[in-house]
ModelCIF file with pLDDT and N, C-alpha, C, O atoms, coordinates in Angstrom:
data_MODEL
#
_entry.id   MODEL 
#
_entity.id                         1 
_entity.type                       polymer 
_entity.pdbx_number_of_molecules   1 
#
_entity_poly.entity_id                      1 
_entity_poly.type                           'polypeptide(L)' 
_entity_poly.nstd_linkage                   no 
_entity_poly.nstd_monomer                   no 
_entity_poly.pdbx_seq_one_letter_code       DLYSPDPDFRSNLGRAMRGRREKFVLQAHLCSVWKDGQYKRTRDLAEV 
_entity_poly.pdbx_seq_one_letter_code_can   DLYSPDPDFRSNLGRAMRGRREKFVLQAHLCSVWKDGQYKRTRDLAEV 
_entity_poly.pdbx_strand_id                 A 
#
loop_
_entity_poly_seq.entity_id 
_entity_poly_seq.num 
_entity_poly_seq.mon_id 
_entity_poly_seq.hetero 
1 1  ASP n 
1 2  LEU n 
1 3  TYR n 
1 4  SER n 
1 5  PRO n 
1 6  ASP n 
1 7  PRO n 
1 8  ASP n 
1 9  PHE n 
1 10 ARG n 
1 11 SER n 
1 12 ASN n 
1 13 LEU n 
1 14 GLY n 
1 15 ARG n 
1 16 ALA n 
1 17 MET n 
1 18 ARG n 
1 19 GLY n 
1 20 ARG n 
1 21 ARG n 
1 22 GLU n 
1 23 LYS n 
1 24 PHE n 
1 25 VAL n 
1 26 LEU n 
1 27 GLN n 
1 28 ALA n 
1 29 HIS n 
1 30 LEU n 
1 31 CYS n 
1 32 SER n 
1 33 VAL n 
1 34 TRP n 
1 35 LYS n 
1 36 ASP n 
1 37 GLY n 
1 38 GLN n 
1 39 TYR n 
1 40 LYS n 
1 41 ARG n 
1 42 THR n 
1 43 ARG n 
1 44 ASP n 
1 45 LEU n 
1 46 ALA n 
1 47 GLU n 
1 48 VAL n 
#
_struct_asym.id          A 
_struct_asym.entity_id   1 
#
loop_
_ma_qa_metric.id 
_ma_qa_metric.mode 
_ma_qa_metric.name 
_ma_qa_metric.software_group_id 
_ma_qa_metric.type 
1 global pLDDT . pLDDT 
2 local  pLDDT . pLDDT 
#
_ma_qa_metric_global.metric_id      1 
_ma_qa_metric_global.metric_value   95.96 
_ma_qa_metric_global.model_id       1 
_ma_qa_metric_global.ordinal_id     1 
#
loop_
_ma_qa_metric_local.label_asym_id 
_ma_qa_metric_local.label_comp_id 
_ma_qa_metric_local.label_seq_id 
_ma_qa_metric_local.metric_id 
_ma_qa_metric_local.metric_value 
_ma_qa_metric_local.model_id 
_ma_qa_metric_local.ordinal_id 
A ASP 1  2 97.00 1 1  
A LEU 2  2 97.00 1 2  
A TYR 3  2 94.00 1 3  
A SER 4  2 94.00 1 4  
A PRO 5  2 95.00 1 5  
A ASP 6  2 96.00 1 6  
A PRO 7  2 97.00 1 7  
A ASP 8  2 97.00 1 8  
A PHE 9  2 97.00 1 9  
A ARG 10 2 97.00 1 10 
A SER 11 2 98.00 1 11 
A ASN 12 2 98.00 1 12 
A LEU 13 2 98.00 1 13 
A GLY 14 2 98.00 1 14 
A ARG 15 2 98.00 1 15 
A ALA 16 2 98.00 1 16 
A MET 17 2 98.00 1 17 
A ARG 18 2 98.00 1 18 
A GLY 19 2 97.00 1 19 
A ARG 20 2 98.00 1 20 
A ARG 21 2 97.00 1 21 
A GLU 22 2 97.00 1 22 
A LYS 23 2 98.00 1 23 
A PHE 24 2 98.00 1 24 
A VAL 25 2 98.00 1 25 
A LEU 26 2 98.00 1 26 
A GLN 27 2 98.00 1 27 
A ALA 28 2 97.00 1 28 
A HIS 29 2 97.00 1 29 
A LEU 30 2 96.00 1 30 
A CYS 31 2 96.00 1 31 
A SER 32 2 95.00 1 32 
A VAL 33 2 95.00 1 33 
A TRP 34 2 94.00 1 34 
A LYS 35 2 91.00 1 35 
A ASP 36 2 89.00 1 36 
A GLY 37 2 90.00 1 37 
A GLN 38 2 92.00 1 38 
A TYR 39 2 92.00 1 39 
A LYS 40 2 93.00 1 40 
A ARG 41 2 93.00 1 41 
A THR 42 2 95.00 1 42 
A ARG 43 2 96.00 1 43 
A ASP 44 2 95.00 1 44 
A LEU 45 2 96.00 1 45 
A ALA 46 2 96.00 1 46 
A GLU 47 2 97.00 1 47 
A VAL 48 2 97.00 1 48 
#
loop_
_atom_site.group_PDB 
_atom_site.id 
_atom_site.type_symbol 
_atom_site.label_atom_id 
_atom_site.label_alt_id 
_atom_site.label_comp_id 
_atom_site.label_asym_id 
_atom_site.label_entity_id 
_atom_site.label_seq_id 
_atom_site.pdbx_PDB_ins_code 
_atom_site.Cartn_x 
_atom_site.Cartn_y 
_atom_site.Cartn_z 
_atom_site.occupancy 
_atom_site.B_iso_or_equiv 
_atom_site.pdbx_formal_charge 
_atom_site.auth_seq_id 
_atom_site.auth_comp_id 
_atom_site.auth_asym_id 
_atom_site.auth_atom_id 
_atom_site.pdbx_PDB_model_num 
ATOM 1   N N  . ASP A 1 1  ? 96.231 180.325 102.438 1.00 97.00 ? 1  ASP A N  1 
ATOM 2   C CA . ASP A 1 1  ? 95.822 181.332 103.427 1.00 97.00 ? 1  ASP A CA 1 
ATOM 3   C C  . ASP A 1 1  ? 94.562 182.032 102.942 1.00 97.00 ? 1  ASP A C  1 
ATOM 4   O O  . ASP A 1 1  ? 94.435 182.357 101.762 1.00 97.00 ? 1  ASP A O  1 
ATOM 5   N N  . LEU A 1 2  ? 93.632 182.260 103.862 1.00 97.00 ? 2  LEU A N  1 
ATOM 6   C CA . LEU A 1 2  ? 92.321 182.798 103.507 1.00 97.00 ? 2  LEU A CA 1 
ATOM 7   C C  . LEU A 1 2  ? 92.003 184.069 104.285 1.00 97.00 ? 2  LEU A C  1 
ATOM 8   O O  . LEU A 1 2  ? 90.936 184.178 104.889 1.00 97.00 ? 2  LEU A O  1 
ATOM 9   N N  . TYR A 1 3  ? 92.928 185.035 104.274 1.00 94.00 ? 3  TYR A N  1 
ATOM 10  C CA . TYR A 1 3  ? 92.681 186.240 105.074 1.00 94.00 ? 3  TYR A CA 1 
ATOM 11  C C  . TYR A 1 3  ? 91.541 187.081 104.514 1.00 94.00 ? 3  TYR A C  1 
ATOM 12  O O  . TYR A 1 3  ? 90.863 187.783 105.264 1.00 94.00 ? 3  TYR A O  1 
ATOM 13  N N  . SER A 1 4  ? 91.325 187.016 103.199 1.00 94.00 ? 4  SER A N  1 
ATOM 14  C CA . SER A 1 4  ? 90.292 187.869 102.597 1.00 94.00 ? 4  SER A CA 1 
ATOM 15  C C  . SER A 1 4  ? 88.903 187.311 102.875 1.00 94.00 ? 4  SER A C  1 
ATOM 16  O O  . SER A 1 4  ? 88.661 186.119 102.681 1.00 94.00 ? 4  SER A O  1 
ATOM 17  N N  . PRO A 1 5  ? 87.971 188.181 103.337 1.00 95.00 ? 5  PRO A N  1 
ATOM 18  C CA . PRO A 1 5  ? 86.602 187.729 103.587 1.00 95.00 ? 5  PRO A CA 1 
ATOM 19  C C  . PRO A 1 5  ? 85.695 187.883 102.359 1.00 95.00 ? 5  PRO A C  1 
ATOM 20  O O  . PRO A 1 5  ? 84.490 187.653 102.457 1.00 95.00 ? 5  PRO A O  1 
ATOM 21  N N  . ASP A 1 6  ? 86.254 188.266 101.213 1.00 96.00 ? 6  ASP A N  1 
ATOM 22  C CA . ASP A 1 6  ? 85.444 188.494 100.019 1.00 96.00 ? 6  ASP A CA 1 
ATOM 23  C C  . ASP A 1 6  ? 84.557 187.277 99.747  1.00 96.00 ? 6  ASP A C  1 
ATOM 24  O O  . ASP A 1 6  ? 85.074 186.184 99.517  1.00 96.00 ? 6  ASP A O  1 
ATOM 25  N N  . PRO A 1 7  ? 83.234 187.445 99.769  1.00 97.00 ? 7  PRO A N  1 
ATOM 26  C CA . PRO A 1 7  ? 82.342 186.284 99.655  1.00 97.00 ? 7  PRO A CA 1 
ATOM 27  C C  . PRO A 1 7  ? 82.453 185.565 98.317  1.00 97.00 ? 7  PRO A C  1 
ATOM 28  O O  . PRO A 1 7  ? 82.342 184.340 98.271  1.00 97.00 ? 7  PRO A O  1 
ATOM 29  N N  . ASP A 1 8  ? 82.669 186.297 97.227  1.00 97.00 ? 8  ASP A N  1 
ATOM 30  C CA . ASP A 1 8  ? 82.793 185.643 95.922  1.00 97.00 ? 8  ASP A CA 1 
ATOM 31  C C  . ASP A 1 8  ? 84.035 184.768 95.872  1.00 97.00 ? 8  ASP A C  1 
ATOM 32  O O  . ASP A 1 8  ? 83.999 183.658 95.341  1.00 97.00 ? 8  ASP A O  1 
ATOM 33  N N  . PHE A 1 9  ? 85.134 185.271 96.427  1.00 97.00 ? 9  PHE A N  1 
ATOM 34  C CA . PHE A 1 9  ? 86.357 184.469 96.471  1.00 97.00 ? 9  PHE A CA 1 
ATOM 35  C C  . PHE A 1 9  ? 86.130 183.186 97.249  1.00 97.00 ? 9  PHE A C  1 
ATOM 36  O O  . PHE A 1 9  ? 86.490 182.103 96.788  1.00 97.00 ? 9  PHE A O  1 
ATOM 37  N N  . ARG A 1 10 ? 85.540 183.303 98.414  1.00 97.00 ? 10 ARG A N  1 
ATOM 38  C CA . ARG A 1 10 ? 85.319 182.119 99.243  1.00 97.00 ? 10 ARG A CA 1 
ATOM 39  C C  . ARG A 1 10 ? 84.435 181.102 98.523  1.00 97.00 ? 10 ARG A C  1 
ATOM 40  O O  . ARG A 1 10 ? 84.719 179.904 98.543  1.00 97.00 ? 10 ARG A O  1 
ATOM 41  N N  . SER A 1 11 ? 83.373 181.578 97.895  1.00 98.00 ? 11 SER A N  1 
ATOM 42  C CA . SER A 1 11 ? 82.467 180.672 97.179  1.00 98.00 ? 11 SER A CA 1 
ATOM 43  C C  . SER A 1 11 ? 83.165 180.019 95.990  1.00 98.00 ? 11 SER A C  1 
ATOM 44  O O  . SER A 1 11 ? 82.989 178.825 95.747  1.00 98.00 ? 11 SER A O  1 
ATOM 45  N N  . ASN A 1 12 ? 83.946 180.786 95.255  1.00 98.00 ? 12 ASN A N  1 
ATOM 46  C CA . ASN A 1 12 ? 84.668 180.230 94.113  1.00 98.00 ? 12 ASN A CA 1 
ATOM 47  C C  . ASN A 1 12 ? 85.679 179.179 94.544  1.00 98.00 ? 12 ASN A C  1 
ATOM 48  O O  . ASN A 1 12 ? 85.831 178.145 93.894  1.00 98.00 ? 12 ASN A O  1 
ATOM 49  N N  . LEU A 1 13 ? 86.371 179.454 95.650  1.00 98.00 ? 13 LEU A N  1 
ATOM 50  C CA . LEU A 1 13 ? 87.365 178.492 96.129  1.00 98.00 ? 13 LEU A CA 1 
ATOM 51  C C  . LEU A 1 13 ? 86.679 177.214 96.604  1.00 98.00 ? 13 LEU A C  1 
ATOM 52  O O  . LEU A 1 13 ? 87.137 176.112 96.302  1.00 98.00 ? 13 LEU A O  1 
ATOM 53  N N  . GLY A 1 14 ? 85.573 177.361 97.352  1.00 98.00 ? 14 GLY A N  1 
ATOM 54  C CA . GLY A 1 14 ? 84.849 176.185 97.804  1.00 98.00 ? 14 GLY A CA 1 
ATOM 55  C C  . GLY A 1 14 ? 84.404 175.312 96.647  1.00 98.00 ? 14 GLY A C  1 
ATOM 56  O O  . GLY A 1 14 ? 84.535 174.089 96.691  1.00 98.00 ? 14 GLY A O  1 
ATOM 57  N N  . ARG A 1 15 ? 83.879 175.948 95.613  1.00 98.00 ? 15 ARG A N  1 
ATOM 58  C CA . ARG A 1 15 ? 83.435 175.213 94.419  1.00 98.00 ? 15 ARG A CA 1 
ATOM 59  C C  . ARG A 1 15 ? 84.626 174.549 93.727  1.00 98.00 ? 15 ARG A C  1 
ATOM 60  O O  . ARG A 1 15 ? 84.522 173.410 93.273  1.00 98.00 ? 15 ARG A O  1 
ATOM 61  N N  . ALA A 1 16 ? 85.761 175.259 93.644  1.00 98.00 ? 16 ALA A N  1 
ATOM 62  C CA . ALA A 1 16 ? 86.940 174.729 92.958  1.00 98.00 ? 16 ALA A CA 1 
ATOM 63  C C  . ALA A 1 16 ? 87.550 173.536 93.696  1.00 98.00 ? 16 ALA A C  1 
ATOM 64  O O  . ALA A 1 16 ? 88.215 172.701 93.084  1.00 98.00 ? 16 ALA A O  1 
ATOM 65  N N  . MET A 1 17 ? 87.325 173.456 95.003  1.00 98.00 ? 17 MET A N  1 
ATOM 66  C CA . MET A 1 17 ? 87.898 172.355 95.788  1.00 98.00 ? 17 MET A CA 1 
ATOM 67  C C  . MET A 1 17 ? 86.983 171.137 95.869  1.00 98.00 ? 17 MET A C  1 
ATOM 68  O O  . MET A 1 17 ? 87.357 170.134 96.476  1.00 98.00 ? 17 MET A O  1 
ATOM 69  N N  . ARG A 1 18 ? 85.794 171.201 95.271  1.00 98.00 ? 18 ARG A N  1 
ATOM 70  C CA . ARG A 1 18 ? 84.876 170.067 95.335  1.00 98.00 ? 18 ARG A CA 1 
ATOM 71  C C  . ARG A 1 18 ? 85.547 168.778 94.869  1.00 98.00 ? 18 ARG A C  1 
ATOM 72  O O  . ARG A 1 18 ? 86.172 168.738 93.809  1.00 98.00 ? 18 ARG A O  1 
ATOM 73  N N  . GLY A 1 19 ? 85.411 167.739 95.668  1.00 97.00 ? 19 GLY A N  1 
ATOM 74  C CA . GLY A 1 19 ? 85.978 166.447 95.318  1.00 97.00 ? 19 GLY A CA 1 
ATOM 75  C C  . GLY A 1 19 ? 87.448 166.301 95.646  1.00 97.00 ? 19 GLY A C  1 
ATOM 76  O O  . GLY A 1 19 ? 88.024 165.234 95.436  1.00 97.00 ? 19 GLY A O  1 
ATOM 77  N N  . ARG A 1 20 ? 88.070 167.356 96.159  1.00 98.00 ? 20 ARG A N  1 
ATOM 78  C CA . ARG A 1 20 ? 89.497 167.277 96.483  1.00 98.00 ? 20 ARG A CA 1 
ATOM 79  C C  . ARG A 1 20 ? 89.849 168.124 97.710  1.00 98.00 ? 20 ARG A C  1 
ATOM 80  O O  . ARG A 1 20 ? 91.008 168.489 97.910  1.00 98.00 ? 20 ARG A O  1 
ATOM 81  N N  . ARG A 1 21 ? 88.859 168.423 98.508  1.00 97.00 ? 21 ARG A N  1 
ATOM 82  C CA . ARG A 1 21 ? 89.061 169.251 99.696  1.00 97.00 ? 21 ARG A CA 1 
ATOM 83  C C  . ARG A 1 21 ? 90.162 168.694 100.587 1.00 97.00 ? 21 ARG A C  1 
ATOM 84  O O  . ARG A 1 21 ? 90.926 169.458 101.177 1.00 97.00 ? 21 ARG A O  1 
ATOM 85  N N  . GLU A 1 22 ? 90.252 167.354 100.693 1.00 97.00 ? 22 GLU A N  1 
ATOM 86  C CA . GLU A 1 22 ? 91.213 166.732 101.609 1.00 97.00 ? 22 GLU A CA 1 
ATOM 87  C C  . GLU A 1 22 ? 92.657 166.951 101.186 1.00 97.00 ? 22 GLU A C  1 
ATOM 88  O O  . GLU A 1 22 ? 93.571 166.668 101.961 1.00 97.00 ? 22 GLU A O  1 
ATOM 89  N N  . LYS A 1 23 ? 92.880 167.444 99.987  1.00 98.00 ? 23 LYS A N  1 
ATOM 90  C CA . LYS A 1 23 ? 94.239 167.660 99.502  1.00 98.00 ? 23 LYS A CA 1 
ATOM 91  C C  . LYS A 1 23 ? 94.812 169.004 99.929  1.00 98.00 ? 23 LYS A C  1 
ATOM 92  O O  . LYS A 1 23 ? 95.971 169.303 99.642  1.00 98.00 ? 23 LYS A O  1 
ATOM 93  N N  . PHE A 1 24 ? 94.010 169.816 100.614 1.00 98.00 ? 24 PHE A N  1 
ATOM 94  C CA . PHE A 1 24 ? 94.443 171.166 100.941 1.00 98.00 ? 24 PHE A CA 1 
ATOM 95  C C  . PHE A 1 24 ? 94.347 171.440 102.440 1.00 98.00 ? 24 PHE A C  1 
ATOM 96  O O  . PHE A 1 24 ? 93.472 170.927 103.138 1.00 98.00 ? 24 PHE A O  1 
ATOM 97  N N  . VAL A 1 25 ? 95.279 172.268 102.905 1.00 98.00 ? 25 VAL A N  1 
ATOM 98  C CA . VAL A 1 25 ? 95.307 172.741 104.287 1.00 98.00 ? 25 VAL A CA 1 
ATOM 99  C C  . VAL A 1 25 ? 94.825 174.187 104.267 1.00 98.00 ? 25 VAL A C  1 
ATOM 100 O O  . VAL A 1 25 ? 95.477 175.058 103.691 1.00 98.00 ? 25 VAL A O  1 
ATOM 101 N N  . LEU A 1 26 ? 93.679 174.439 104.899 1.00 98.00 ? 26 LEU A N  1 
ATOM 102 C CA . LEU A 1 26 ? 93.084 175.771 104.868 1.00 98.00 ? 26 LEU A CA 1 
ATOM 103 C C  . LEU A 1 26 ? 93.449 176.547 106.129 1.00 98.00 ? 26 LEU A C  1 
ATOM 104 O O  . LEU A 1 26 ? 93.176 176.113 107.248 1.00 98.00 ? 26 LEU A O  1 
ATOM 105 N N  . GLN A 1 27 ? 94.067 177.695 105.923 1.00 98.00 ? 27 GLN A N  1 
ATOM 106 C CA . GLN A 1 27 ? 94.397 178.613 107.015 1.00 98.00 ? 27 GLN A CA 1 
ATOM 107 C C  . GLN A 1 27 ? 93.339 179.709 106.986 1.00 98.00 ? 27 GLN A C  1 
ATOM 108 O O  . GLN A 1 27 ? 93.541 180.773 106.401 1.00 98.00 ? 27 GLN A O  1 
ATOM 109 N N  . ALA A 1 28 ? 92.204 179.428 107.631 1.00 97.00 ? 28 ALA A N  1 
ATOM 110 C CA . ALA A 1 28 ? 91.044 180.306 107.589 1.00 97.00 ? 28 ALA A CA 1 
ATOM 111 C C  . ALA A 1 28 ? 91.113 181.323 108.727 1.00 97.00 ? 28 ALA A C  1 
ATOM 112 O O  . ALA A 1 28 ? 91.438 180.970 109.861 1.00 97.00 ? 28 ALA A O  1 
ATOM 113 N N  . HIS A 1 29 ? 90.810 182.570 108.425 1.00 97.00 ? 29 HIS A N  1 
ATOM 114 C CA . HIS A 1 29 ? 90.962 183.635 109.408 1.00 97.00 ? 29 HIS A CA 1 
ATOM 115 C C  . HIS A 1 29 ? 89.660 183.931 110.148 1.00 97.00 ? 29 HIS A C  1 
ATOM 116 O O  . HIS A 1 29 ? 88.599 184.089 109.544 1.00 97.00 ? 29 HIS A O  1 
ATOM 117 N N  . LEU A 1 30 ? 89.774 184.002 111.458 1.00 96.00 ? 30 LEU A N  1 
ATOM 118 C CA . LEU A 1 30 ? 88.722 184.562 112.298 1.00 96.00 ? 30 LEU A CA 1 
ATOM 119 C C  . LEU A 1 30 ? 88.934 186.083 112.351 1.00 96.00 ? 30 LEU A C  1 
ATOM 120 O O  . LEU A 1 30 ? 90.056 186.558 112.181 1.00 96.00 ? 30 LEU A O  1 
ATOM 121 N N  . CYS A 1 31 ? 87.886 186.821 112.581 1.00 96.00 ? 31 CYS A N  1 
ATOM 122 C CA . CYS A 1 31 ? 87.961 188.280 112.782 1.00 96.00 ? 31 CYS A CA 1 
ATOM 123 C C  . CYS A 1 31 ? 88.163 189.058 111.485 1.00 96.00 ? 31 CYS A C  1 
ATOM 124 O O  . CYS A 1 31 ? 88.318 190.278 111.524 1.00 96.00 ? 31 CYS A O  1 
ATOM 125 N N  . SER A 1 32 ? 88.165 188.385 110.347 1.00 95.00 ? 32 SER A N  1 
ATOM 126 C CA . SER A 1 32 ? 88.206 189.054 109.059 1.00 95.00 ? 32 SER A CA 1 
ATOM 127 C C  . SER A 1 32 ? 86.852 188.835 108.400 1.00 95.00 ? 32 SER A C  1 
ATOM 128 O O  . SER A 1 32 ? 86.552 187.730 107.950 1.00 95.00 ? 32 SER A O  1 
ATOM 129 N N  . VAL A 1 33 ? 86.034 189.881 108.341 1.00 95.00 ? 33 VAL A N  1 
ATOM 130 C CA . VAL A 1 33 ? 84.639 189.730 107.915 1.00 95.00 ? 33 VAL A CA 1 
ATOM 131 C C  . VAL A 1 33 ? 84.295 190.701 106.783 1.00 95.00 ? 33 VAL A C  1 
ATOM 132 O O  . VAL A 1 33 ? 85.020 191.660 106.515 1.00 95.00 ? 33 VAL A O  1 
ATOM 133 N N  . TRP A 1 34 ? 83.181 190.423 106.138 1.00 94.00 ? 34 TRP A N  1 
ATOM 134 C CA . TRP A 1 34 ? 82.671 191.254 105.046 1.00 94.00 ? 34 TRP A CA 1 
ATOM 135 C C  . TRP A 1 34 ? 81.509 192.077 105.591 1.00 94.00 ? 34 TRP A C  1 
ATOM 136 O O  . TRP A 1 34 ? 80.493 191.524 106.012 1.00 94.00 ? 34 TRP A O  1 
ATOM 137 N N  . LYS A 1 35 ? 81.661 193.378 105.582 1.00 91.00 ? 35 LYS A N  1 
ATOM 138 C CA . LYS A 1 35 ? 80.640 194.262 106.168 1.00 91.00 ? 35 LYS A CA 1 
ATOM 139 C C  . LYS A 1 35 ? 80.386 195.421 105.215 1.00 91.00 ? 35 LYS A C  1 
ATOM 140 O O  . LYS A 1 35 ? 81.321 196.106 104.800 1.00 91.00 ? 35 LYS A O  1 
ATOM 141 N N  . ASP A 1 36 ? 79.123 195.641 104.869 1.00 89.00 ? 36 ASP A N  1 
ATOM 142 C CA . ASP A 1 36 ? 78.753 196.747 103.980 1.00 89.00 ? 36 ASP A CA 1 
ATOM 143 C C  . ASP A 1 36 ? 79.564 196.734 102.690 1.00 89.00 ? 36 ASP A C  1 
ATOM 144 O O  . ASP A 1 36 ? 79.993 197.778 102.199 1.00 89.00 ? 36 ASP A O  1 
ATOM 145 N N  . GLY A 1 37 ? 79.766 195.537 102.152 1.00 90.00 ? 37 GLY A N  1 
ATOM 146 C CA . GLY A 1 37 ? 80.421 195.408 100.863 1.00 90.00 ? 37 GLY A CA 1 
ATOM 147 C C  . GLY A 1 37 ? 81.920 195.562 100.874 1.00 90.00 ? 37 GLY A C  1 
ATOM 148 O O  . GLY A 1 37 ? 82.528 195.764 99.823  1.00 90.00 ? 37 GLY A O  1 
ATOM 149 N N  . GLN A 1 38 ? 82.544 195.470 102.070 1.00 92.00 ? 38 GLN A N  1 
ATOM 150 C CA . GLN A 1 38 ? 83.996 195.600 102.114 1.00 92.00 ? 38 GLN A CA 1 
ATOM 151 C C  . GLN A 1 38 ? 84.581 194.841 103.299 1.00 92.00 ? 38 GLN A C  1 
ATOM 152 O O  . GLN A 1 38 ? 83.869 194.436 104.219 1.00 92.00 ? 38 GLN A O  1 
ATOM 153 N N  . TYR A 1 39 ? 85.908 194.662 103.249 1.00 92.00 ? 39 TYR A N  1 
ATOM 154 C CA . TYR A 1 39 ? 86.640 193.987 104.321 1.00 92.00 ? 39 TYR A CA 1 
ATOM 155 C C  . TYR A 1 39 ? 86.589 194.788 105.616 1.00 92.00 ? 39 TYR A C  1 
ATOM 156 O O  . TYR A 1 39 ? 86.657 196.017 105.608 1.00 92.00 ? 39 TYR A O  1 
ATOM 157 N N  . LYS A 1 40 ? 86.468 194.063 106.737 1.00 93.00 ? 40 LYS A N  1 
ATOM 158 C CA . LYS A 1 40 ? 86.529 194.687 108.059 1.00 93.00 ? 40 LYS A CA 1 
ATOM 159 C C  . LYS A 1 40 ? 87.241 193.736 109.008 1.00 93.00 ? 40 LYS A C  1 
ATOM 160 O O  . LYS A 1 40 ? 86.938 192.543 109.056 1.00 93.00 ? 40 LYS A O  1 
ATOM 161 N N  . ARG A 1 41 ? 88.184 194.273 109.758 1.00 93.00 ? 41 ARG A N  1 
ATOM 162 C CA . ARG A 1 41 ? 88.784 193.519 110.864 1.00 93.00 ? 41 ARG A CA 1 
ATOM 163 C C  . ARG A 1 41 ? 87.956 193.817 112.106 1.00 93.00 ? 41 ARG A C  1 
ATOM 164 O O  . ARG A 1 41 ? 87.721 194.978 112.439 1.00 93.00 ? 41 ARG A O  1 
ATOM 165 N N  . THR A 1 42 ? 87.518 192.774 112.785 1.00 95.00 ? 42 THR A N  1 
ATOM 166 C CA . THR A 1 42 ? 86.624 192.984 113.919 1.00 95.00 ? 42 THR A CA 1 
ATOM 167 C C  . THR A 1 42 ? 87.062 192.167 115.123 1.00 95.00 ? 42 THR A C  1 
ATOM 168 O O  . THR A 1 42 ? 87.713 191.130 114.993 1.00 95.00 ? 42 THR A O  1 
ATOM 169 N N  . ARG A 1 43 ? 86.686 192.664 116.305 1.00 96.00 ? 43 ARG A N  1 
ATOM 170 C CA . ARG A 1 43 ? 86.839 191.902 117.540 1.00 96.00 ? 43 ARG A CA 1 
ATOM 171 C C  . ARG A 1 43 ? 85.475 191.684 118.200 1.00 96.00 ? 43 ARG A C  1 
ATOM 172 O O  . ARG A 1 43 ? 85.389 191.162 119.311 1.00 96.00 ? 43 ARG A O  1 
ATOM 173 N N  . ASP A 1 44 ? 84.424 192.085 117.508 1.00 95.00 ? 44 ASP A N  1 
ATOM 174 C CA . ASP A 1 44 ? 83.066 191.872 117.988 1.00 95.00 ? 44 ASP A CA 1 
ATOM 175 C C  . ASP A 1 44 ? 82.729 190.388 117.837 1.00 95.00 ? 44 ASP A C  1 
ATOM 176 O O  . ASP A 1 44 ? 82.733 189.854 116.729 1.00 95.00 ? 44 ASP A O  1 
ATOM 177 N N  . LEU A 1 45 ? 82.441 189.733 118.952 1.00 96.00 ? 45 LEU A N  1 
ATOM 178 C CA . LEU A 1 45 ? 82.303 188.287 118.951 1.00 96.00 ? 45 LEU A CA 1 
ATOM 179 C C  . LEU A 1 45 ? 81.167 187.816 118.063 1.00 96.00 ? 45 LEU A C  1 
ATOM 180 O O  . LEU A 1 45 ? 81.286 186.784 117.404 1.00 96.00 ? 45 LEU A O  1 
ATOM 181 N N  . ALA A 1 46 ? 80.074 188.552 118.036 1.00 96.00 ? 46 ALA A N  1 
ATOM 182 C CA . ALA A 1 46 ? 78.952 188.157 117.180 1.00 96.00 ? 46 ALA A CA 1 
ATOM 183 C C  . ALA A 1 46 ? 79.352 188.213 115.710 1.00 96.00 ? 46 ALA A C  1 
ATOM 184 O O  . ALA A 1 46 ? 79.000 187.324 114.934 1.00 96.00 ? 46 ALA A O  1 
ATOM 185 N N  . GLU A 1 47 ? 80.086 189.256 115.325 1.00 97.00 ? 47 GLU A N  1 
ATOM 186 C CA . GLU A 1 47 ? 80.553 189.367 113.943 1.00 97.00 ? 47 GLU A CA 1 
ATOM 187 C C  . GLU A 1 47 ? 81.570 188.283 113.614 1.00 97.00 ? 47 GLU A C  1 
ATOM 188 O O  . GLU A 1 47 ? 81.577 187.746 112.506 1.00 97.00 ? 47 GLU A O  1 
ATOM 189 N N  . VAL A 1 48 ? 82.422 187.967 114.573 1.00 97.00 ? 48 VAL A N  1 
ATOM 190 C CA . VAL A 1 48 ? 83.417 186.923 114.367 1.00 97.00 ? 48 VAL A CA 1 
ATOM 191 C C  . VAL A 1 48 ? 82.733 185.580 114.100 1.00 97.00 ? 48 VAL A C  1 
ATOM 192 O O  . VAL A 1 48 ? 83.410 184.571 113.901 1.00 97.00 ? 48 VAL A O  1 
#
């Protein structure tokens, strides 16, 4: 599950899955974004 929009986490996970991405099922969240250095839940379509 990928509810956190923390950019460092996402980048680290992407790098860690290199060469084995197909072995994982990613539950990626829409509407969970990184804004002004922190998590934000949004319904603004452009931000989503």
